[in-house]
């Protein structure tokens, strides 16, 4: 009985399982919000380049 209880309390193999579950959760979150992040980054970079074009145009006047 003591050996069975010691076996059930042994947590050495759970570490890799926990990491795999953590990676799976992070991957699901990334895939869930991939489109939203892509749209926002496109808007931000577009805005930055538009402002840079305006500044360069103002310098050339």
C-alpha atoms as a PDB file:
ATOM      1  CA  UNK A   1       0.000   0.000   0.000  1.00  0.00           C
ATOM      2  CA  UNK A   2       2.861   2.379   0.810  1.00  0.00           C
ATOM      3  CA  UNK A   3       4.430   1.771  -2.600  1.00  0.00           C
ATOM      4  CA  UNK A   4       1.131   2.549  -4.328  1.00  0.00           C
ATOM      5  CA  UNK A   5       0.720   5.783  -2.380  1.00  0.00           C
ATOM      6  CA  UNK A   6       4.319   6.766  -3.122  1.00  0.00           C
ATOM      7  CA  UNK A   7       3.719   6.067  -6.827  1.00  0.00           C
ATOM      8  CA  UNK A   8       0.549   8.196  -6.875  1.00  0.00           C
ATOM      9  CA  UNK A   9       2.294  11.085  -5.110  1.00  0.00           C
ATOM     10  CA  UNK A  10       5.261  11.052  -7.503  1.00  0.00           C
ATOM     11  CA  UNK A  11       4.990  14.184  -9.677  1.00  0.00           C
ATOM     12  CA  UNK A  12       8.209  13.905 -11.689  1.00  0.00           C
ATOM     13  CA  UNK A  13       6.461  13.015 -14.975  1.00  0.00           C
ATOM     14  CA  UNK A  14       3.908  15.796 -14.738  1.00  0.00           C
ATOM     15  CA  UNK A  15       6.337  18.578 -15.530  1.00  0.00           C
ATOM     16  CA  UNK A  16       6.516  17.878 -19.260  1.00  0.00           C
ATOM     17  CA  UNK A  17       2.745  17.433 -19.424  1.00  0.00           C
ATOM     18  CA  UNK A  18       2.242  20.824 -17.807  1.00  0.00           C
ATOM     19  CA  UNK A  19       4.576  22.471 -20.321  1.00  0.00           C
ATOM     20  CA  UNK A  20       2.759  20.811 -23.225  1.00  0.00           C
ATOM     21  CA  UNK A  21      -0.601  22.040 -21.919  1.00  0.00           C
ATOM     22  CA  UNK A  22       0.796  25.539 -21.433  1.00  0.00           C
ATOM     23  CA  UNK A  23       2.137  25.619 -25.001  1.00  0.00           C
ATOM     24  CA  UNK A  24      -1.210  24.361 -26.308  1.00  0.00           C
ATOM     25  CA  UNK A  25      -3.114  27.115 -24.480  1.00  0.00           C
ATOM     26  CA  UNK A  26      -0.730  29.818 -25.751  1.00  0.00           C
ATOM     27  CA  UNK A  27      -1.035  28.467 -29.295  1.00  0.00           C
ATOM     28  CA  UNK A  28      -4.840  28.554 -29.100  1.00  0.00           C
ATOM     29  CA  UNK A  29      -4.761  32.161 -27.881  1.00  0.00           C
ATOM     30  CA  UNK A  30      -2.389  33.174 -30.689  1.00  0.00           C
ATOM     31  CA  UNK A  31      -4.535  31.518 -33.353  1.00  0.00           C
ATOM     32  CA  UNK A  32      -7.717  33.016 -31.865  1.00  0.00           C
ATOM     33  CA  UNK A  33      -6.458  36.610 -31.975  1.00  0.00           C
ATOM     34  CA  UNK A  34      -4.190  36.347 -35.041  1.00  0.00           C
ATOM     35  CA  UNK A  35      -6.583  38.197 -37.362  1.00  0.00           C
ATOM     36  CA  UNK A  36      -7.314  40.961 -34.864  1.00  0.00           C
ATOM     37  CA  UNK A  37      -3.625  41.568 -34.207  1.00  0.00           C
ATOM     38  CA  UNK A  38      -2.835  41.534 -37.911  1.00  0.00           C
ATOM     39  CA  UNK A  39      -5.511  44.125 -38.687  1.00  0.00           C
ATOM     40  CA  UNK A  40      -4.380  46.421 -35.884  1.00  0.00           C
ATOM     41  CA  UNK A  41      -0.718  46.174 -36.862  1.00  0.00           C
ATOM     42  CA  UNK A  42      -1.618  46.945 -40.474  1.00  0.00           C
ATOM     43  CA  UNK A  43      -3.541  50.049 -39.378  1.00  0.00           C
ATOM     44  CA  UNK A  44      -0.691  51.208 -37.134  1.00  0.00           C
ATOM     45  CA  UNK A  45       2.007  50.763 -39.767  1.00  0.00           C
ATOM     46  CA  UNK A  46      -0.193  52.403 -42.403  1.00  0.00           C
ATOM     47  CA  UNK A  47      -0.728  55.378 -40.124  1.00  0.00           C
ATOM     48  CA  UNK A  48       2.985  55.698 -39.397  1.00  0.00           C
ATOM     49  CA  UNK A  49       3.916  55.595 -43.091  1.00  0.00           C
ATOM     50  CA  UNK A  50       1.168  58.086 -43.986  1.00  0.00           C
ATOM     51  CA  UNK A  51       2.464  60.511 -41.372  1.00  0.00           C
ATOM     52  CA  UNK A  52       6.040  60.029 -42.601  1.00  0.00           C
ATOM     53  CA  UNK A  53       4.941  60.751 -46.174  1.00  0.00           C
ATOM     54  CA  UNK A  54       3.184  63.908 -44.998  1.00  0.00           C
ATOM     55  CA  UNK A  55       6.274  65.077 -43.112  1.00  0.00           C
ATOM     56  CA  UNK A  56       8.534  64.430 -46.100  1.00  0.00           C
ATOM     57  CA  UNK A  57       6.079  66.240 -48.370  1.00  0.00           C
ATOM     58  CA  UNK A  58       6.049  69.232 -46.011  1.00  0.00           C
ATOM     59  CA  UNK A  59       9.859  69.323 -46.031  1.00  0.00           C
ATOM     60  CA  UNK A  60       9.992  69.442 -49.820  1.00  0.00           C
ATOM     61  CA  UNK A  61       7.744  72.524 -50.050  1.00  0.00           C
END
